[in-house]
Amino acid sequence: MDAKQRVFGMLGMAQRAGKVASGAEAVTAALSTGKAELLIISRDISRNSLDKLLSAAEKGEKVTGKAVTCFRFGTSDDLGQATGKAARAALAVTDKAFAKGISDLLEGINEEEDI
């Protein structure tokens, strides 16, 4: 199994464990309150949605003093499929262990792009 498939598999496990926020409102809330440990943004997200997410991440950083690691990865269809949902432009992983495992994999993939 290649690294991309392992990332999607870990996202699915995190979703089943209830450790993924998906959908615009849930991700924004996780970012704003500091619950998000990792933010994964699809490569096909709209500029407006991206700006809203980054603004929420900044707000959360000001409130908690903790920056959230962000990656651009996959498409919205990929992220939705990995979590068993419809297309999702962004996912927030709320568990430190899952976030670390997924981050480690993403850092090893050439497709990543820190924001």
PDB file of N, CA and C in Angstrom:
ATOM      1  N   MET A   1       0.848  -1.175   0.000  1.00  0.00           N
ATOM      2  CA  MET A   1       0.000   0.000   0.000  1.00  0.00           C
ATOM      3  C   MET A   1       0.895   1.240   0.000  1.00  0.00           C
ATOM      4  N   ASP A   2       0.624   2.153  -0.928  1.00  0.00           N
ATOM      5  CA  ASP A   2       1.461   3.350  -0.996  1.00  0.00           C
ATOM      6  C   ASP A   2       1.043   4.358   0.072  1.00  0.00           C
ATOM      7  N   ALA A   3       1.853   5.392   0.232  1.00  0.00           N
ATOM      8  CA  ALA A   3       1.644   6.367   1.307  1.00  0.00           C
ATOM      9  C   ALA A   3       0.301   7.087   1.187  1.00  0.00           C
ATOM     10  N   LYS A   4      -0.112   7.411  -0.045  1.00  0.00           N
ATOM     11  CA  LYS A   4      -1.398   8.099  -0.215  1.00  0.00           C
ATOM     12  C   LYS A   4      -2.541   7.236   0.301  1.00  0.00           C
ATOM     13  N   GLN A   5      -2.520   5.959  -0.043  1.00  0.00           N
ATOM     14  CA  GLN A   5      -3.571   5.062   0.409  1.00  0.00           C
ATOM     15  C   GLN A   5      -3.545   4.899   1.935  1.00  0.00           C
ATOM     16  N   ARG A   6      -2.349   4.922   2.499  1.00  0.00           N
ATOM     17  CA  ARG A   6      -2.236   4.836   3.957  1.00  0.00           C
ATOM     18  C   ARG A   6      -2.836   6.069   4.624  1.00  0.00           C
ATOM     19  N   VAL A   7      -2.629   7.250   4.019  1.00  0.00           N
ATOM     20  CA  VAL A   7      -3.242   8.476   4.553  1.00  0.00           C
ATOM     21  C   VAL A   7      -4.754   8.344   4.513  1.00  0.00           C
ATOM     22  N   PHE A   8      -5.293   7.917   3.376  1.00  0.00           N
ATOM     23  CA  PHE A   8      -6.749   7.777   3.261  1.00  0.00           C
ATOM     24  C   PHE A   8      -7.270   6.745   4.259  1.00  0.00           C
ATOM     25  N   GLY A   9      -6.526   5.663   4.460  1.00  0.00           N
ATOM     26  CA  GLY A   9      -6.922   4.646   5.425  1.00  0.00           C
ATOM     27  C   GLY A   9      -6.938   5.179   6.845  1.00  0.00           C
ATOM     28  N   MET A  10      -5.921   5.966   7.189  1.00  0.00           N
ATOM     29  CA  MET A  10      -5.875   6.557   8.536  1.00  0.00           C
ATOM     30  C   MET A  10      -6.992   7.579   8.738  1.00  0.00           C
ATOM     31  N   LEU A  11      -7.315   8.323   7.690  1.00  0.00           N
ATOM     32  CA  LEU A  11      -8.432   9.267   7.792  1.00  0.00           C
ATOM     33  C   LEU A  11      -9.737   8.515   8.045  1.00  0.00           C
ATOM     34  N   GLY A  12      -9.903   7.385   7.361  1.00  0.00           N
ATOM     35  CA  GLY A  12     -11.098   6.562   7.574  1.00  0.00           C
ATOM     36  C   GLY A  12     -11.173   6.038   8.999  1.00  0.00           C
ATOM     37  N   MET A  13     -10.044   5.568   9.527  1.00  0.00           N
ATOM     38  CA  MET A  13     -10.026   5.086  10.916  1.00  0.00           C
ATOM     39  C   MET A  13     -10.338   6.213  11.891  1.00  0.00           C
ATOM     40  N   ALA A  14      -9.749   7.390  11.649  1.00  0.00           N
ATOM     41  CA  ALA A  14     -10.005   8.533  12.524  1.00  0.00           C
ATOM     42  C   ALA A  14     -11.478   8.927  12.471  1.00  0.00           C
ATOM     43  N   GLN A  15     -12.070   8.875  11.291  1.00  0.00           N
ATOM     44  CA  GLN A  15     -13.493   9.201  11.137  1.00  0.00           C
ATOM     45  C   GLN A  15     -14.345   8.210  11.934  1.00  0.00           C
ATOM     46  N   ARG A  16     -14.051   6.923  11.803  1.00  0.00           N
ATOM     47  CA  ARG A  16     -14.821   5.905  12.526  1.00  0.00           C
ATOM     48  C   ARG A  16     -14.659   6.049  14.041  1.00  0.00           C
ATOM     49  N   ALA A  17     -13.516   6.568  14.466  1.00  0.00           N
ATOM     50  CA  ALA A  17     -13.269   6.800  15.895  1.00  0.00           C
ATOM     51  C   ALA A  17     -13.881   8.116  16.381  1.00  0.00           C
ATOM     52  N   GLY A  18     -14.479   8.874  15.475  1.00  0.00           N
ATOM     53  CA  GLY A  18     -15.087  10.151  15.850  1.00  0.00           C
ATOM     54  C   GLY A  18     -14.085  11.262  16.065  1.00  0.00           C
ATOM     55  N   LYS A  19     -12.932  11.159  15.412  1.00  0.00           N
ATOM     56  CA  LYS A  19     -11.851  12.128  15.611  1.00  0.00           C
ATOM     57  C   LYS A  19     -11.608  13.016  14.390  1.00  0.00           C
ATOM     58  N   VAL A  20     -12.611  13.129  13.509  1.00  0.00           N
ATOM     59  CA  VAL A  20     -12.496  13.979  12.324  1.00  0.00           C
ATOM     60  C   VAL A  20     -13.703  14.902  12.254  1.00  0.00           C
ATOM     61  N   ALA A  21     -13.441  16.189  12.089  1.00  0.00           N
ATOM     62  CA  ALA A  21     -14.499  17.154  11.813  1.00  0.00           C
ATOM     63  C   ALA A  21     -14.520  17.356  10.308  1.00  0.00           C
ATOM     64  N   SER A  22     -15.693  17.233   9.707  1.00  0.00           N
ATOM     65  CA  SER A  22     -15.790  17.440   8.266  1.00  0.00           C
ATOM     66  C   SER A  22     -17.016  18.294   7.975  1.00  0.00           C
ATOM     67  N   GLY A  23     -16.944  19.024   6.901  1.00  0.00           N
ATOM     68  CA  GLY A  23     -17.982  19.993   6.587  1.00  0.00           C
ATOM     69  C   GLY A  23     -17.533  21.362   7.062  1.00  0.00           C
ATOM     70  N   ALA A  24     -17.939  22.366   6.346  1.00  0.00           N
ATOM     71  CA  ALA A  24     -17.445  23.725   6.592  1.00  0.00           C
ATOM     72  C   ALA A  24     -17.649  24.179   8.034  1.00  0.00           C
ATOM     73  N   GLU A  25     -18.844  24.007   8.570  1.00  0.00           N
ATOM     74  CA  GLU A  25     -19.121  24.490   9.923  1.00  0.00           C
ATOM     75  C   GLU A  25     -18.334  23.728  10.978  1.00  0.00           C
ATOM     76  N   ALA A  26     -18.277  22.409  10.853  1.00  0.00           N
ATOM     77  CA  ALA A  26     -17.577  21.591  11.855  1.00  0.00           C
ATOM     78  C   ALA A  26     -16.076  21.863  11.842  1.00  0.00           C
ATOM     79  N   VAL A  27     -15.506  22.005  10.651  1.00  0.00           N
ATOM     80  CA  VAL A  27     -14.067  22.271  10.552  1.00  0.00           C
ATOM     81  C   VAL A  27     -13.756  23.665  11.093  1.00  0.00           C
ATOM     82  N   THR A  28     -14.557  24.637  10.732  1.00  0.00           N
ATOM     83  CA  THR A  28     -14.356  26.004  11.223  1.00  0.00           C
ATOM     84  C   THR A  28     -14.455  26.048  12.746  1.00  0.00           C
ATOM     85  N   ALA A  29     -15.435  25.341  13.299  1.00  0.00           N
ATOM     86  CA  ALA A  29     -15.595  25.308  14.754  1.00  0.00           C
ATOM     87  C   ALA A  29     -14.390  24.642  15.420  1.00  0.00           C
ATOM     88  N   ALA A  30     -13.907  23.533  14.857  1.00  0.00           N
ATOM     89  CA  ALA A  30     -12.744  22.841  15.426  1.00  0.00           C
ATOM     90  C   ALA A  30     -11.510  23.734  15.382  1.00  0.00           C
ATOM     91  N   LEU A  31     -11.367  24.492  14.327  1.00  0.00           N
ATOM     92  CA  LEU A  31     -10.219  25.398  14.208  1.00  0.00           C
ATOM     93  C   LEU A  31     -10.340  26.571  15.181  1.00  0.00           C
ATOM     94  N   SER A  32     -11.511  27.170  15.236  1.00  0.00           N
ATOM     95  CA  SER A  32     -11.716  28.364  16.060  1.00  0.00           C
ATOM     96  C   SER A  32     -11.574  28.080  17.545  1.00  0.00           C
ATOM     97  N   THR A  33     -11.924  26.868  17.957  1.00  0.00           N
ATOM     98  CA  THR A  33     -11.882  26.526  19.378  1.00  0.00           C
ATOM     99  C   THR A  33     -10.581  25.849  19.788  1.00  0.00           C
ATOM    100  N   GLY A  34      -9.710  25.591  18.820  1.00  0.00           N
ATOM    101  CA  GLY A  34      -8.432  24.967  19.128  1.00  0.00           C
ATOM    102  C   GLY A  34      -8.489  23.454  19.253  1.00  0.00           C
ATOM    103  N   LYS A  35      -9.603  22.839  18.861  1.00  0.00           N
ATOM    104  CA  LYS A  35      -9.728  21.377  18.947  1.00  0.00           C
ATOM    105  C   LYS A  35      -9.003  20.670  17.807  1.00  0.00           C
ATOM    106  N   ALA A  36      -8.792  21.369  16.701  1.00  0.00           N
ATOM    107  CA  ALA A  36      -8.141  20.752  15.538  1.00  0.00           C
ATOM    108  C   ALA A  36      -6.649  20.593  15.793  1.00  0.00           C
ATOM    109  N   GLU A  37      -6.140  19.414  15.512  1.00  0.00           N
ATOM    110  CA  GLU A  37      -4.711  19.127  15.612  1.00  0.00           C
ATOM    111  C   GLU A  37      -4.050  19.162  14.242  1.00  0.00           C
ATOM    112  N   LEU A  38      -4.839  18.900  13.204  1.00  0.00           N
ATOM    113  CA  LEU A  38      -4.335  18.828  11.832  1.00  0.00           C
ATOM    114  C   LEU A  38      -5.445  19.254  10.890  1.00  0.00           C
ATOM    115  N   LEU A  39      -5.104  20.066   9.911  1.00  0.00           N
ATOM    116  CA  LEU A  39      -6.063  20.503   8.895  1.00  0.00           C
ATOM    117  C   LEU A  39      -5.606  19.980   7.547  1.00  0.00           C
ATOM    118  N   ILE A  40      -6.487  19.255   6.876  1.00  0.00           N
ATOM    119  CA  ILE A  40      -6.201  18.768   5.527  1.00  0.00           C
ATOM    120  C   ILE A  40      -7.175  19.446   4.582  1.00  0.00           C
ATOM    121  N   ILE A  41      -6.614  20.144   3.609  1.00  0.00           N
ATOM    122  CA  ILE A  41      -7.406  20.918   2.658  1.00  0.00           C
ATOM    123  C   ILE A  41      -7.224  20.317   1.275  1.00  0.00           C
ATOM    124  N   SER A  42      -8.336  20.107   0.583  1.00  0.00           N
ATOM    125  CA  SER A  42      -8.259  19.519  -0.757  1.00  0.00           C
ATOM    126  C   SER A  42      -7.599  20.486  -1.733  1.00  0.00           C
ATOM    127  N   ARG A  43      -7.025  19.929  -2.758  1.00  0.00           N
ATOM    128  CA  ARG A  43      -6.373  20.746  -3.783  1.00  0.00           C
ATOM    129  C   ARG A  43      -7.380  21.532  -4.623  1.00  0.00           C
ATOM    130  N   ASP A  44      -8.641  21.108  -4.627  1.00  0.00           N
ATOM    131  CA  ASP A  44      -9.636  21.774  -5.474  1.00  0.00           C
ATOM    132  C   ASP A  44     -10.590  22.675  -4.680  1.00  0.00           C
ATOM    133  N   ILE A  45     -10.189  23.079  -3.487  1.00  0.00           N
ATOM    134  CA  ILE A  45     -11.023  23.970  -2.684  1.00  0.00           C
ATOM    135  C   ILE A  45     -11.084  25.354  -3.339  1.00  0.00           C
ATOM    136  N   SER A  46     -12.205  26.026  -3.162  1.00  0.00           N
ATOM    137  CA  SER A  46     -12.332  27.375  -3.730  1.00  0.00           C
ATOM    138  C   SER A  46     -11.506  28.355  -2.898  1.00  0.00           C
ATOM    139  N   ARG A  47     -11.098  29.436  -3.503  1.00  0.00           N
ATOM    140  CA  ARG A  47     -10.289  30.461  -2.822  1.00  0.00           C
ATOM    141  C   ARG A  47     -11.060  31.026  -1.636  1.00  0.00           C
ATOM    142  N   ASN A  48     -12.359  31.280  -1.800  1.00  0.00           N
ATOM    143  CA  ASN A  48     -13.173  31.835  -0.724  1.00  0.00           C
ATOM    144  C   ASN A  48     -13.207  30.885   0.474  1.00  0.00           C
ATOM    145  N   SER A  49     -13.428  29.607   0.230  1.00  0.00           N
ATOM    146  CA  SER A  49     -13.465  28.623   1.315  1.00  0.00           C
ATOM    147  C   SER A  49     -12.101  28.501   1.985  1.00  0.00           C
ATOM    148  N   LEU A  50     -11.041  28.519   1.193  1.00  0.00           N
ATOM    149  CA  LEU A  50      -9.690  28.445   1.742  1.00  0.00           C
ATOM    150  C   LEU A  50      -9.427  29.627   2.670  1.00  0.00           C
ATOM    151  N   ASP A  51      -9.800  30.819   2.229  1.00  0.00           N
ATOM    152  CA  ASP A  51      -9.592  32.015   3.051  1.00  0.00           C
ATOM    153  C   ASP A  51     -10.352  31.915   4.378  1.00  0.00           C
ATOM    154  N   LYS A  52     -11.582  31.401   4.351  1.00  0.00           N
ATOM    155  CA  LYS A  52     -12.373  31.245   5.575  1.00  0.00           C
ATOM    156  C   LYS A  52     -11.709  30.266   6.542  1.00  0.00           C
ATOM    157  N   LEU A  53     -11.204  29.162   6.000  1.00  0.00           N
ATOM    158  CA  LEU A  53     -10.548  28.169   6.858  1.00  0.00           C
ATOM    159  C   LEU A  53      -9.274  28.729   7.478  1.00  0.00           C
ATOM    160  N   LEU A  54      -8.488  29.412   6.683  1.00  0.00           N
ATOM    161  CA  LEU A  54      -7.241  29.982   7.212  1.00  0.00           C
ATOM    162  C   LEU A  54      -7.524  31.060   8.249  1.00  0.00           C
ATOM    163  N   SER A  55      -8.591  31.819   8.054  1.00  0.00           N
ATOM    164  CA  SER A  55      -8.992  32.826   9.027  1.00  0.00           C
ATOM    165  C   SER A  55      -9.408  32.160  10.343  1.00  0.00           C
ATOM    166  N   ALA A  56     -10.162  31.070  10.249  1.00  0.00           N
ATOM    167  CA  ALA A  56     -10.571  30.334  11.449  1.00  0.00           C
ATOM    168  C   ALA A  56      -9.353  29.742  12.157  1.00  0.00           C
ATOM    169  N   ALA A  57      -8.384  29.257  11.385  1.00  0.00           N
ATOM    170  CA  ALA A  57      -7.156  28.702  11.977  1.00  0.00           C
ATOM    171  C   ALA A  57      -6.388  29.798  12.721  1.00  0.00           C
ATOM    172  N   GLU A  58      -6.316  30.985  12.146  1.00  0.00           N
ATOM    173  CA  GLU A  58      -5.642  32.113  12.811  1.00  0.00           C
ATOM    174  C   GLU A  58      -6.362  32.492  14.099  1.00  0.00           C
ATOM    175  N   LYS A  59      -7.698  32.495  14.044  1.00  0.00           N
ATOM    176  CA  LYS A  59      -8.486  32.815  15.233  1.00  0.00           C
ATOM    177  C   LYS A  59      -8.209  31.793  16.330  1.00  0.00           C
ATOM    178  N   GLY A  60      -8.190  30.518  15.961  1.00  0.00           N
ATOM    179  CA  GLY A  60      -7.904  29.471  16.933  1.00  0.00           C
ATOM    180  C   GLY A  60      -6.519  29.601  17.521  1.00  0.00           C
ATOM    181  N   GLU A  61      -5.546  29.986  16.695  1.00  0.00           N
ATOM    182  CA  GLU A  61      -4.174  30.158  17.176  1.00  0.00           C
ATOM    183  C   GLU A  61      -4.108  31.303  18.192  1.00  0.00           C
ATOM    184  N   LYS A  62      -4.835  32.382  17.933  1.00  0.00           N
ATOM    185  CA  LYS A  62      -4.846  33.511  18.871  1.00  0.00           C
ATOM    186  C   LYS A  62      -5.481  33.117  20.196  1.00  0.00           C
ATOM    187  N   VAL A  63      -6.541  32.301  20.127  1.00  0.00           N
ATOM    188  CA  VAL A  63      -7.257  31.896  21.334  1.00  0.00           C
ATOM    189  C   VAL A  63      -6.435  30.906  22.156  1.00  0.00           C
ATOM    190  N   THR A  64      -5.818  29.938  21.485  1.00  0.00           N
ATOM    191  CA  THR A  64      -5.145  28.846  22.200  1.00  0.00           C
ATOM    192  C   THR A  64      -3.634  28.976  22.243  1.00  0.00           C
ATOM    193  N   GLY A  65      -3.066  29.785  21.357  1.00  0.00           N
ATOM    194  CA  GLY A  65      -1.619  29.888  21.269  1.00  0.00           C
ATOM    195  C   GLY A  65      -0.986  28.715  20.549  1.00  0.00           C
ATOM    196  N   LYS A  66      -1.817  27.891  19.917  1.00  0.00           N
ATOM    197  CA  LYS A  66      -1.352  26.688  19.237  1.00  0.00           C
ATOM    198  C   LYS A  66      -1.653  26.783  17.737  1.00  0.00           C
ATOM    199  N   ALA A  67      -0.605  26.662  16.928  1.00  0.00           N
ATOM    200  CA  ALA A  67      -0.794  26.667  15.475  1.00  0.00           C
ATOM    201  C   ALA A  67      -1.191  25.269  15.021  1.00  0.00           C
ATOM    202  N   VAL A  68      -2.042  25.207  14.019  1.00  0.00           N
ATOM    203  CA  VAL A  68      -2.489  23.931  13.457  1.00  0.00           C
ATOM    204  C   VAL A  68      -1.672  23.642  12.207  1.00  0.00           C
ATOM    205  N   THR A  69      -1.165  22.433  12.115  1.00  0.00           N
ATOM    206  CA  THR A  69      -0.438  22.006  10.918  1.00  0.00           C
ATOM    207  C   THR A  69      -1.443  21.830   9.786  1.00  0.00           C
ATOM    208  N   CYS A  70      -1.115  22.372   8.618  1.00  0.00           N
ATOM    209  CA  CYS A  70      -2.013  22.314   7.462  1.00  0.00           C
ATOM    210  C   CYS A  70      -1.312  21.668   6.278  1.00  0.00           C
ATOM    211  N   PHE A  71      -2.056  20.851   5.550  1.00  0.00           N
ATOM    212  CA  PHE A  71      -1.567  20.248   4.315  1.00  0.00           C
ATOM    213  C   PHE A  71      -2.629  20.369   3.232  1.00  0.00           C
ATOM    214  N   ARG A  72      -2.175  20.537   2.007  1.00  0.00           N
ATOM    215  CA  ARG A  72      -3.042  20.407   0.832  1.00  0.00           C
ATOM    216  C   ARG A  72      -2.838  18.984   0.339  1.00  0.00           C
ATOM    217  N   PHE A  73      -3.937  18.228   0.221  1.00  0.00           N
ATOM    218  CA  PHE A  73      -3.816  16.830  -0.156  1.00  0.00           C
ATOM    219  C   PHE A  73      -5.103  16.330  -0.786  1.00  0.00           C
ATOM    220  N   GLY A  74      -4.970  15.643  -1.895  1.00  0.00           N
ATOM    221  CA  GLY A  74      -6.111  15.010  -2.535  1.00  0.00           C
ATOM    222  C   GLY A  74      -7.128  15.993  -3.076  1.00  0.00           C
ATOM    223  N   THR A  75      -8.226  15.445  -3.538  1.00  0.00           N
ATOM    224  CA  THR A  75      -9.352  16.249  -4.014  1.00  0.00           C
ATOM    225  C   THR A  75     -10.476  16.151  -3.000  1.00  0.00           C
ATOM    226  N   SER A  76     -11.487  16.982  -3.163  1.00  0.00           N
ATOM    227  CA  SER A  76     -12.621  16.917  -2.243  1.00  0.00           C
ATOM    228  C   SER A  76     -13.319  15.561  -2.350  1.00  0.00           C
ATOM    229  N   ASP A  77     -13.361  14.983  -3.536  1.00  0.00           N
ATOM    230  CA  ASP A  77     -13.932  13.643  -3.694  1.00  0.00           C
ATOM    231  C   ASP A  77     -13.109  12.614  -2.930  1.00  0.00           C
ATOM    232  N   ASP A  78     -11.774  12.717  -3.010  1.00  0.00           N
ATOM    233  CA  ASP A  78     -10.888  11.799  -2.279  1.00  0.00           C
ATOM    234  C   ASP A  78     -11.129  11.873  -0.775  1.00  0.00           C
ATOM    235  N   LEU A  79     -11.192  13.091  -0.248  1.00  0.00           N
ATOM    236  CA  LEU A  79     -11.369  13.271   1.194  1.00  0.00           C
ATOM    237  C   LEU A  79     -12.738  12.763   1.648  1.00  0.00           C
ATOM    238  N   GLY A  80     -13.746  13.020   0.845  1.00  0.00           N
ATOM    239  CA  GLY A  80     -15.078  12.503   1.175  1.00  0.00           C
ATOM    240  C   GLY A  80     -15.108  10.986   1.165  1.00  0.00           C
ATOM    241  N   GLN A  81     -14.526  10.404   0.141  1.00  0.00           N
ATOM    242  CA  GLN A  81     -14.511   8.947   0.035  1.00  0.00           C
ATOM    243  C   GLN A  81     -13.740   8.319   1.199  1.00  0.00           C
ATOM    244  N   ALA A  82     -12.641   8.916   1.595  1.00  0.00           N
ATOM    245  CA  ALA A  82     -11.830   8.378   2.692  1.00  0.00           C
ATOM    246  C   ALA A  82     -12.600   8.351   4.010  1.00  0.00           C
ATOM    247  N   THR A  83     -13.521   9.295   4.178  1.00  0.00           N
ATOM    248  CA  THR A  83     -14.274   9.384   5.429  1.00  0.00           C
ATOM    249  C   THR A  83     -15.694   8.838   5.313  1.00  0.00           C
ATOM    250  N   GLY A  84     -16.024   8.281   4.150  1.00  0.00           N
ATOM    251  CA  GLY A  84     -17.346   7.700   3.973  1.00  0.00           C
ATOM    252  C   GLY A  84     -18.446   8.732   3.848  1.00  0.00           C
ATOM    253  N   LYS A  85     -18.100   9.886   3.354  1.00  0.00           N
ATOM    254  CA  LYS A  85     -19.059  10.987   3.222  1.00  0.00           C
ATOM    255  C   LYS A  85     -19.074  11.486   1.777  1.00  0.00           C
ATOM    256  N   ALA A  86     -19.927  12.464   1.531  1.00  0.00           N
ATOM    257  CA  ALA A  86     -19.910  13.146   0.236  1.00  0.00           C
ATOM    258  C   ALA A  86     -18.616  13.960   0.155  1.00  0.00           C
ATOM    259  N   ALA A  87     -18.364  14.570  -0.968  1.00  0.00           N
ATOM    260  CA  ALA A  87     -17.142  15.358  -1.171  1.00  0.00           C
ATOM    261  C   ALA A  87     -16.950  16.356  -0.035  1.00  0.00           C
ATOM    262  N   ARG A  88     -15.724  16.438   0.451  1.00  0.00           N
ATOM    263  CA  ARG A  88     -15.359  17.359   1.535  1.00  0.00           C
ATOM    264  C   ARG A  88     -14.135  18.137   1.113  1.00  0.00           C
ATOM    265  N   ALA A  89     -14.212  19.461   1.205  1.00  0.00           N
ATOM    266  CA  ALA A  89     -13.088  20.306   0.804  1.00  0.00           C
ATOM    267  C   ALA A  89     -12.021  20.371   1.883  1.00  0.00           C
ATOM    268  N   ALA A  90     -12.399  20.053   3.128  1.00  0.00           N
ATOM    269  CA  ALA A  90     -11.433  20.118   4.229  1.00  0.00           C
ATOM    270  C   ALA A  90     -11.848  19.174   5.340  1.00  0.00           C
ATOM    271  N   LEU A  91     -10.846  18.693   6.053  1.00  0.00           N
ATOM    272  CA  LEU A  91     -11.060  17.839   7.218  1.00  0.00           C
ATOM    273  C   LEU A  91     -10.166  18.349   8.347  1.00  0.00           C
ATOM    274  N   ALA A  92     -10.670  18.298   9.551  1.00  0.00           N
ATOM    275  CA  ALA A  92      -9.861  18.627  10.720  1.00  0.00           C
ATOM    276  C   ALA A  92      -9.764  17.370  11.582  1.00  0.00           C
ATOM    277  N   VAL A  93      -8.551  16.924  11.835  1.00  0.00           N
ATOM    278  CA  VAL A  93      -8.322  15.780  12.709  1.00  0.00           C
ATOM    279  C   VAL A  93      -8.173  16.333  14.120  1.00  0.00           C
ATOM    280  N   THR A  94      -8.953  15.789  15.059  1.00  0.00           N
ATOM    281  CA  THR A  94      -8.994  16.350  16.408  1.00  0.00           C
ATOM    282  C   THR A  94      -8.241  15.514  17.444  1.00  0.00           C
ATOM    283  N   ASP A  95      -7.624  14.439  17.040  1.00  0.00           N
ATOM    284  CA  ASP A  95      -6.871  13.577  17.946  1.00  0.00           C
ATOM    285  C   ASP A  95      -5.377  13.711  17.660  1.00  0.00           C
ATOM    286  N   LYS A  96      -4.579  13.915  18.715  1.00  0.00           N
ATOM    287  CA  LYS A  96      -3.138  14.132  18.538  1.00  0.00           C
ATOM    288  C   LYS A  96      -2.442  12.939  17.898  1.00  0.00           C
ATOM    289  N   ALA A  97      -2.782  11.737  18.314  1.00  0.00           N
ATOM    290  CA  ALA A  97      -2.108  10.549  17.780  1.00  0.00           C
ATOM    291  C   ALA A  97      -2.422  10.352  16.301  1.00  0.00           C
ATOM    292  N   PHE A  98      -3.688  10.464  15.925  1.00  0.00           N
ATOM    293  CA  PHE A  98      -4.039  10.352  14.508  1.00  0.00           C
ATOM    294  C   PHE A  98      -3.371  11.477  13.711  1.00  0.00           C
ATOM    295  N   ALA A  99      -3.408  12.686  14.256  1.00  0.00           N
ATOM    296  CA  ALA A  99      -2.809  13.830  13.556  1.00  0.00           C
ATOM    297  C   ALA A  99      -1.323  13.606  13.318  1.00  0.00           C
ATOM    298  N   LYS A 100      -0.626  13.097  14.314  1.00  0.00           N
ATOM    299  CA  LYS A 100       0.816  12.839  14.169  1.00  0.00           C
ATOM    300  C   LYS A 100       1.078  11.780  13.110  1.00  0.00           C
ATOM    301  N   GLY A 101       0.340  10.690  13.143  1.00  0.00           N
ATOM    302  CA  GLY A 101       0.525   9.625  12.166  1.00  0.00           C
ATOM    303  C   GLY A 101       0.254  10.083  10.743  1.00  0.00           C
ATOM    304  N   ILE A 102      -0.813  10.829  10.565  1.00  0.00           N
ATOM    305  CA  ILE A 102      -1.166  11.323   9.233  1.00  0.00           C
ATOM    306  C   ILE A 102      -0.154  12.369   8.775  1.00  0.00           C
ATOM    307  N   SER A 103       0.247  13.263   9.676  1.00  0.00           N
ATOM    308  CA  SER A 103       1.245  14.287   9.327  1.00  0.00           C
ATOM    309  C   SER A 103       2.551  13.644   8.883  1.00  0.00           C
ATOM    310  N   ASP A 104       2.986  12.626   9.620  1.00  0.00           N
ATOM    311  CA  ASP A 104       4.231  11.944   9.261  1.00  0.00           C
ATOM    312  C   ASP A 104       4.154  11.360   7.858  1.00  0.00           C
ATOM    313  N   LEU A 105       3.021  10.769   7.518  1.00  0.00           N
ATOM    314  CA  LEU A 105       2.856  10.217   6.174  1.00  0.00           C
ATOM    315  C   LEU A 105       2.828  11.324   5.120  1.00  0.00           C
ATOM    316  N   LEU A 106       2.097  12.392   5.404  1.00  0.00           N
ATOM    317  CA  LEU A 106       1.979  13.481   4.431  1.00  0.00           C
ATOM    318  C   LEU A 106       3.316  14.162   4.184  1.00  0.00           C
ATOM    319  N   GLU A 107       4.141  14.264   5.204  1.00  0.00           N
ATOM    320  CA  GLU A 107       5.448  14.895   5.020  1.00  0.00           C
ATOM    321  C   GLU A 107       6.325  14.099   4.061  1.00  0.00           C
ATOM    322  N   GLY A 108       6.053  12.810   3.957  1.00  0.00           N
ATOM    323  CA  GLY A 108       6.833  11.971   3.065  1.00  0.00           C
ATOM    324  C   GLY A 108       6.324  11.899   1.644  1.00  0.00           C
ATOM    325  N   ILE A 109       5.202  12.544   1.389  1.00  0.00           N
ATOM    326  CA  ILE A 109       4.616  12.512   0.046  1.00  0.00           C
ATOM    327  C   ILE A 109       4.963  13.803  -0.678  1.00  0.00           C
ATOM    328  N   ASN A 110       5.410  13.682  -1.918  1.00  0.00           N
ATOM    329  CA  ASN A 110       5.790  14.853  -2.700  1.00  0.00           C
ATOM    330  C   ASN A 110       4.616  15.778  -2.973  1.00  0.00           C
ATOM    331  N   GLU A 111       3.385  15.281  -2.873  1.00  0.00           N
ATOM    332  CA  GLU A 111       2.219  16.075  -3.203  1.00  0.00           C
ATOM    333  C   GLU A 111       1.921  17.128  -2.139  1.00  0.00           C
ATOM    334  N   GLU A 112       2.420  16.955  -0.906  1.00  0.00           N
ATOM    335  CA  GLU A 112       2.067  17.882   0.147  1.00  0.00           C
ATOM    336  C   GLU A 112       2.555  19.289  -0.137  1.00  0.00           C
ATOM    337  N   GLU A 113       1.886  20.204   0.528  1.00  0.00           N
ATOM    338  CA  GLU A 113       2.212  21.624   0.353  1.00  0.00           C
ATOM    339  C   GLU A 113       1.809  22.328   1.635  1.00  0.00           C
ATOM    340  N   ASP A 114       2.718  22.563   2.544  1.00  0.00           N
ATOM    341  CA  ASP A 114       2.373  23.265   3.771  1.00  0.00           C
ATOM    342  C   ASP A 114       1.827  24.645   3.425  1.00  0.00           C
ATOM    343  N   ILE A 115       0.888  25.078   4.218  1.00  0.00           N
ATOM    344  CA  ILE A 115       0.274  26.384   3.992  1.00  0.00           C
ATOM    345  C   ILE A 115       0.851  27.363   4.979  1.00  0.00           C
TER     346      ILE A 115
END
